[in-house]
Amino acid sequence: MRPLPSPSMDDLATACKRFGPGRLPGADRRTIGAGYAGASAALGFALAFAVAMVVLPALGVTSDLVHPFWGASALVALPFVVPTAFAASALVWRVLPASGTAAGLVGGLLATLLTYLGSLVLVFLVAIPLAWSSGTGTVLTEATGLVVLVGFFAAVLTAWLTIPVGCVCGAVYERARTIS
């Protein structure tokens, strides 16, 4: 039995351009296309993570870090992460001077890190009125504590994979821009 061929960068770039966000309005503009690519990667990763957190325990995987709660958390994070990934990716590609695979790798890394930071800022902005409504008087402390807790678990559970995925997606996006 012959092994299946592994997809090349060109195959991935062609598939993304043909079936992915490259077909959306404005995707031919570098910054908008990068925003679509970043948002699509964030959406795809969050959904895959949520499914994995439900399926893995059903398959018998036991760990405190593999639990349906984390999958639900990924779904709750979607309204924070996806728009932030769009904005972060568009911003990075707006200031990213070069193009090519290396620029895509660096851009993907920077966009992923900026997505984490931007999402935590949004969580903070949502946490302030929630903490204020609790009436304890320690609004900034509670909001900051929530952001630190969310950031810690987001980093522990996902950064080990989102950072390389972000780099690869940036490289694929740059390659897709050169394919006619």
C-alpha atoms as a PDB file:
ATOM      1  CA  MET A   1       0.000   0.000   0.000  1.00  0.00           C
ATOM      2  CA  ARG A   2       1.412   3.359  -1.054  1.00  0.00           C
ATOM      3  CA  PRO A   3       1.595   6.110   1.564  1.00  0.00           C
ATOM      4  CA  LEU A   4      -0.599   9.111   0.962  1.00  0.00           C
ATOM      5  CA  PRO A   5       1.301  12.113  -0.378  1.00  0.00           C
ATOM      6  CA  SER A   6       1.685  14.927   2.104  1.00  0.00           C
ATOM      7  CA  PRO A   7       0.295  18.272   0.976  1.00  0.00           C
ATOM      8  CA  SER A   8       2.832  20.855  -0.107  1.00  0.00           C
ATOM      9  CA  MET A   9       2.716  24.548   0.703  1.00  0.00           C
ATOM     10  CA  ASP A  10       1.405  25.172  -2.822  1.00  0.00           C
ATOM     11  CA  ASP A  11      -1.384  22.613  -2.335  1.00  0.00           C
ATOM     12  CA  LEU A  12      -2.453  24.257   0.927  1.00  0.00           C
ATOM     13  CA  ALA A  13      -2.257  27.750  -0.574  1.00  0.00           C
ATOM     14  CA  THR A  14      -4.284  26.692  -3.618  1.00  0.00           C
ATOM     15  CA  ALA A  15      -6.945  25.050  -1.445  1.00  0.00           C
ATOM     16  CA  CYS A  16      -7.192  28.145   0.763  1.00  0.00           C
ATOM     17  CA  LYS A  17      -7.514  30.398  -2.241  1.00  0.00           C
ATOM     18  CA  ARG A  18     -10.039  28.185  -4.004  1.00  0.00           C
ATOM     19  CA  PHE A  19     -12.216  27.111  -1.064  1.00  0.00           C
ATOM     20  CA  GLY A  20     -11.273  29.351   1.855  1.00  0.00           C
ATOM     21  CA  PRO A  21     -11.485  32.998   2.797  1.00  0.00           C
ATOM     22  CA  GLY A  22      -9.690  34.062  -0.394  1.00  0.00           C
ATOM     23  CA  ARG A  23     -13.085  34.218  -2.072  1.00  0.00           C
ATOM     24  CA  LEU A  24     -14.516  36.820   0.334  1.00  0.00           C
ATOM     25  CA  PRO A  25     -14.948  40.479  -0.686  1.00  0.00           C
ATOM     26  CA  GLY A  26     -11.711  42.454  -0.494  1.00  0.00           C
ATOM     27  CA  ALA A  27      -9.564  39.352   0.018  1.00  0.00           C
ATOM     28  CA  ASP A  28      -7.362  40.434  -2.876  1.00  0.00           C
ATOM     29  CA  ARG A  29      -6.162  43.381  -0.746  1.00  0.00           C
ATOM     30  CA  ARG A  30      -3.195  42.299   1.363  1.00  0.00           C
ATOM     31  CA  THR A  31      -4.438  43.525   4.761  1.00  0.00           C
ATOM     32  CA  ILE A  32      -8.051  42.430   4.338  1.00  0.00           C
ATOM     33  CA  GLY A  33      -6.969  39.028   3.021  1.00  0.00           C
ATOM     34  CA  ALA A  34      -4.645  38.611   5.988  1.00  0.00           C
ATOM     35  CA  GLY A  35      -7.512  39.524   8.310  1.00  0.00           C
ATOM     36  CA  TYR A  36      -9.711  36.888   6.722  1.00  0.00           C
ATOM     37  CA  ALA A  37      -6.925  34.331   6.950  1.00  0.00           C
ATOM     38  CA  GLY A  38      -6.257  35.106  10.615  1.00  0.00           C
ATOM     39  CA  ALA A  39      -9.929  35.075  11.558  1.00  0.00           C
ATOM     40  CA  SER A  40     -10.450  31.808   9.663  1.00  0.00           C
ATOM     41  CA  ALA A  41      -7.484  30.202  11.393  1.00  0.00           C
ATOM     42  CA  ALA A  42      -8.750  31.358  14.802  1.00  0.00           C
ATOM     43  CA  LEU A  43     -12.263  30.104  14.082  1.00  0.00           C
ATOM     44  CA  GLY A  44     -11.023  26.769  12.769  1.00  0.00           C
ATOM     45  CA  PHE A  45      -8.676  26.241  15.691  1.00  0.00           C
ATOM     46  CA  ALA A  46     -11.286  27.163  18.320  1.00  0.00           C
ATOM     47  CA  LEU A  47     -13.876  24.836  16.780  1.00  0.00           C
ATOM     48  CA  ALA A  48     -11.378  21.974  16.424  1.00  0.00           C
ATOM     49  CA  PHE A  49     -10.252  22.513  20.027  1.00  0.00           C
ATOM     50  CA  ALA A  50     -13.868  22.480  21.266  1.00  0.00           C
ATOM     51  CA  VAL A  51     -14.600  19.237  19.408  1.00  0.00           C
ATOM     52  CA  ALA A  52     -11.376  17.660  20.682  1.00  0.00           C
ATOM     53  CA  MET A  53     -12.275  18.524  24.271  1.00  0.00           C
ATOM     54  CA  VAL A  54     -15.537  16.591  23.863  1.00  0.00           C
ATOM     55  CA  VAL A  55     -14.264  13.691  21.752  1.00  0.00           C
ATOM     56  CA  LEU A  56     -11.030  12.912  23.628  1.00  0.00           C
ATOM     57  CA  PRO A  57     -12.738  12.172  26.971  1.00  0.00           C
ATOM     58  CA  ALA A  58     -15.299  10.055  25.130  1.00  0.00           C
ATOM     59  CA  LEU A  59     -12.379   8.055  23.719  1.00  0.00           C
ATOM     60  CA  GLY A  60     -11.044   7.457  27.214  1.00  0.00           C
ATOM     61  CA  VAL A  61      -8.398  10.190  27.465  1.00  0.00           C
ATOM     62  CA  THR A  62      -8.247  11.287  31.083  1.00  0.00           C
ATOM     63  CA  SER A  63      -6.559  14.522  32.061  1.00  0.00           C
ATOM     64  CA  ASP A  64      -7.492  17.708  33.860  1.00  0.00           C
ATOM     65  CA  LEU A  65      -6.512  19.537  30.694  1.00  0.00           C
ATOM     66  CA  VAL A  66      -8.870  17.498  28.499  1.00  0.00           C
ATOM     67  CA  HIS A  67     -12.419  18.258  29.534  1.00  0.00           C
ATOM     68  CA  PRO A  68     -15.653  19.446  27.882  1.00  0.00           C
ATOM     69  CA  PHE A  69     -15.490  22.590  30.053  1.00  0.00           C
ATOM     70  CA  TRP A  70     -12.452  23.752  28.071  1.00  0.00           C
ATOM     71  CA  GLY A  71     -14.306  23.054  24.826  1.00  0.00           C
ATOM     72  CA  ALA A  72     -17.209  25.192  26.005  1.00  0.00           C
ATOM     73  CA  SER A  73     -14.701  27.875  26.995  1.00  0.00           C
ATOM     74  CA  ALA A  74     -13.324  27.853  23.444  1.00  0.00           C
ATOM     75  CA  LEU A  75     -16.820  28.430  22.075  1.00  0.00           C
ATOM     76  CA  VAL A  76     -17.434  31.272  24.541  1.00  0.00           C
ATOM     77  CA  ALA A  77     -14.140  32.835  23.422  1.00  0.00           C
ATOM     78  CA  LEU A  78     -15.157  32.950  19.741  1.00  0.00           C
ATOM     79  CA  PRO A  79     -16.703  36.467  19.854  1.00  0.00           C
ATOM     80  CA  PHE A  80     -13.475  37.750  21.412  1.00  0.00           C
ATOM     81  CA  VAL A  81     -10.905  35.787  19.441  1.00  0.00           C
ATOM     82  CA  VAL A  82     -12.202  35.788  15.857  1.00  0.00           C
ATOM     83  CA  PRO A  83     -12.663  39.567  15.403  1.00  0.00           C
ATOM     84  CA  THR A  84      -9.416  40.194  17.285  1.00  0.00           C
ATOM     85  CA  ALA A  85      -7.594  37.735  15.009  1.00  0.00           C
ATOM     86  CA  PHE A  86      -8.964  39.593  11.981  1.00  0.00           C
ATOM     87  CA  ALA A  87      -7.805  42.956  13.327  1.00  0.00           C
ATOM     88  CA  ALA A  88      -4.437  41.633  14.533  1.00  0.00           C
ATOM     89  CA  SER A  89      -3.688  39.933  11.221  1.00  0.00           C
ATOM     90  CA  ALA A  90      -4.733  42.952   9.180  1.00  0.00           C
ATOM     91  CA  LEU A  91      -2.598  45.221  11.369  1.00  0.00           C
ATOM     92  CA  VAL A  92       0.455  42.979  11.191  1.00  0.00           C
ATOM     93  CA  TRP A  93       0.215  42.638   7.407  1.00  0.00           C
ATOM     94  CA  ARG A  94      -0.287  46.379   7.100  1.00  0.00           C
ATOM     95  CA  VAL A  95       3.103  47.025   8.722  1.00  0.00           C
ATOM     96  CA  LEU A  96       4.872  43.850   7.546  1.00  0.00           C
ATOM     97  CA  PRO A  97       7.282  45.180   4.910  1.00  0.00           C
ATOM     98  CA  ALA A  98       8.263  42.067   2.983  1.00  0.00           C
ATOM     99  CA  SER A  99       6.370  39.227   1.432  1.00  0.00           C
ATOM    100  CA  GLY A 100       7.245  35.571   1.138  1.00  0.00           C
ATOM    101  CA  THR A 101       7.287  32.508   3.328  1.00  0.00           C
ATOM    102  CA  ALA A 102       9.600  33.969   5.996  1.00  0.00           C
ATOM    103  CA  ALA A 103       7.501  37.127   6.241  1.00  0.00           C
ATOM    104  CA  GLY A 104       4.412  34.934   6.483  1.00  0.00           C
ATOM    105  CA  LEU A 105       5.931  32.925   9.327  1.00  0.00           C
ATOM    106  CA  VAL A 106       6.872  36.084  11.229  1.00  0.00           C
ATOM    107  CA  GLY A 107       3.532  37.711  10.454  1.00  0.00           C
ATOM    108  CA  GLY A 108       1.652  34.628  11.630  1.00  0.00           C
ATOM    109  CA  LEU A 109       3.622  34.595  14.870  1.00  0.00           C
ATOM    110  CA  LEU A 110       3.054  38.295  15.529  1.00  0.00           C
ATOM    111  CA  ALA A 111      -0.641  38.106  14.618  1.00  0.00           C
ATOM    112  CA  THR A 112      -1.146  35.127  16.929  1.00  0.00           C
ATOM    113  CA  LEU A 113       0.551  36.859  19.868  1.00  0.00           C
ATOM    114  CA  LEU A 114      -1.360  40.072  19.171  1.00  0.00           C
ATOM    115  CA  THR A 115      -4.602  38.078  19.052  1.00  0.00           C
ATOM    116  CA  TYR A 116      -3.939  36.724  22.550  1.00  0.00           C
ATOM    117  CA  LEU A 117      -3.190  40.223  23.881  1.00  0.00           C
ATOM    118  CA  GLY A 118      -6.103  41.880  22.103  1.00  0.00           C
ATOM    119  CA  SER A 119      -8.542  39.208  23.225  1.00  0.00           C
ATOM    120  CA  LEU A 120      -7.433  39.673  26.819  1.00  0.00           C
ATOM    121  CA  VAL A 121      -8.020  43.425  26.504  1.00  0.00           C
ATOM    122  CA  LEU A 122     -11.575  42.672  25.333  1.00  0.00           C
ATOM    123  CA  VAL A 123     -12.069  40.274  28.252  1.00  0.00           C
ATOM    124  CA  PHE A 124     -10.880  43.046  30.584  1.00  0.00           C
ATOM    125  CA  LEU A 125     -13.341  45.513  29.060  1.00  0.00           C
ATOM    126  CA  VAL A 126     -16.184  43.030  29.567  1.00  0.00           C
ATOM    127  CA  ALA A 127     -14.980  42.102  33.068  1.00  0.00           C
ATOM    128  CA  ILE A 128     -15.043  45.692  34.362  1.00  0.00           C
ATOM    129  CA  PRO A 129     -18.853  46.099  34.260  1.00  0.00           C
ATOM    130  CA  LEU A 130     -19.294  42.545  35.547  1.00  0.00           C
ATOM    131  CA  ALA A 131     -17.000  43.237  38.486  1.00  0.00           C
ATOM    132  CA  TRP A 132     -18.662  46.609  39.079  1.00  0.00           C
ATOM    133  CA  SER A 133     -22.107  44.999  39.192  1.00  0.00           C
ATOM    134  CA  SER A 134     -20.907  42.594  41.910  1.00  0.00           C
ATOM    135  CA  GLY A 135     -20.661  45.593  44.235  1.00  0.00           C
ATOM    136  CA  THR A 136     -17.489  44.529  46.025  1.00  0.00           C
ATOM    137  CA  GLY A 137     -15.636  47.759  45.325  1.00  0.00           C
ATOM    138  CA  THR A 138     -12.534  46.052  43.915  1.00  0.00           C
ATOM    139  CA  VAL A 139     -13.504  46.400  40.280  1.00  0.00           C
ATOM    140  CA  LEU A 140     -10.032  46.677  38.748  1.00  0.00           C
ATOM    141  CA  THR A 141      -8.639  43.912  40.972  1.00  0.00           C
ATOM    142  CA  GLU A 142     -11.445  41.517  40.030  1.00  0.00           C
ATOM    143  CA  ALA A 143     -11.253  42.377  36.325  1.00  0.00           C
ATOM    144  CA  THR A 144      -7.479  42.025  36.313  1.00  0.00           C
ATOM    145  CA  GLY A 145      -7.699  38.729  38.181  1.00  0.00           C
ATOM    146  CA  LEU A 146     -10.126  37.362  35.613  1.00  0.00           C
ATOM    147  CA  VAL A 147      -7.881  38.444  32.744  1.00  0.00           C
ATOM    148  CA  VAL A 148      -4.827  36.846  34.350  1.00  0.00           C
ATOM    149  CA  LEU A 149      -6.760  33.616  34.944  1.00  0.00           C
ATOM    150  CA  VAL A 150      -8.163  33.504  31.398  1.00  0.00           C
ATOM    151  CA  GLY A 151      -4.777  34.403  29.912  1.00  0.00           C
ATOM    152  CA  PHE A 152      -2.996  31.721  31.922  1.00  0.00           C
ATOM    153  CA  PHE A 153      -5.365  28.941  30.913  1.00  0.00           C
ATOM    154  CA  ALA A 154      -5.506  30.131  27.298  1.00  0.00           C
ATOM    155  CA  ALA A 155      -1.717  30.039  27.119  1.00  0.00           C
ATOM    156  CA  VAL A 156      -1.356  26.661  28.851  1.00  0.00           C
ATOM    157  CA  LEU A 157      -4.093  24.966  26.859  1.00  0.00           C
ATOM    158  CA  THR A 158      -3.618  26.460  23.410  1.00  0.00           C
ATOM    159  CA  ALA A 159      -0.472  28.535  22.830  1.00  0.00           C
ATOM    160  CA  TRP A 160       1.718  25.477  22.342  1.00  0.00           C
ATOM    161  CA  LEU A 161      -0.316  24.741  19.201  1.00  0.00           C
ATOM    162  CA  THR A 162      -1.765  28.100  18.110  1.00  0.00           C
ATOM    163  CA  ILE A 163       1.667  29.673  17.735  1.00  0.00           C
ATOM    164  CA  PRO A 164       2.973  27.081  15.237  1.00  0.00           C
ATOM    165  CA  VAL A 165      -0.442  26.989  13.516  1.00  0.00           C
ATOM    166  CA  GLY A 166      -0.389  30.786  13.254  1.00  0.00           C
ATOM    167  CA  CYS A 167       3.103  30.684  11.725  1.00  0.00           C
ATOM    168  CA  VAL A 168       2.068  28.054   9.174  1.00  0.00           C
ATOM    169  CA  CYS A 169      -1.145  29.910   8.332  1.00  0.00           C
ATOM    170  CA  GLY A 170       0.842  33.121   7.792  1.00  0.00           C
ATOM    171  CA  ALA A 171       3.226  31.306   5.466  1.00  0.00           C
ATOM    172  CA  VAL A 172       0.328  29.684   3.583  1.00  0.00           C
ATOM    173  CA  TYR A 173      -1.388  33.064   3.267  1.00  0.00           C
ATOM    174  CA  GLU A 174       1.743  34.655   1.806  1.00  0.00           C
ATOM    175  CA  ARG A 175       2.104  31.756  -0.617  1.00  0.00           C
ATOM    176  CA  ALA A 176      -1.568  31.994  -1.607  1.00  0.00           C
ATOM    177  CA  ARG A 177      -1.080  35.660  -2.502  1.00  0.00           C
ATOM    178  CA  THR A 178       1.437  34.672  -5.203  1.00  0.00           C
ATOM    179  CA  ILE A 179      -0.721  31.959  -6.783  1.00  0.00           C
ATOM    180  CA  SER A 180      -2.842  33.147  -9.685  1.00  0.00           C
END
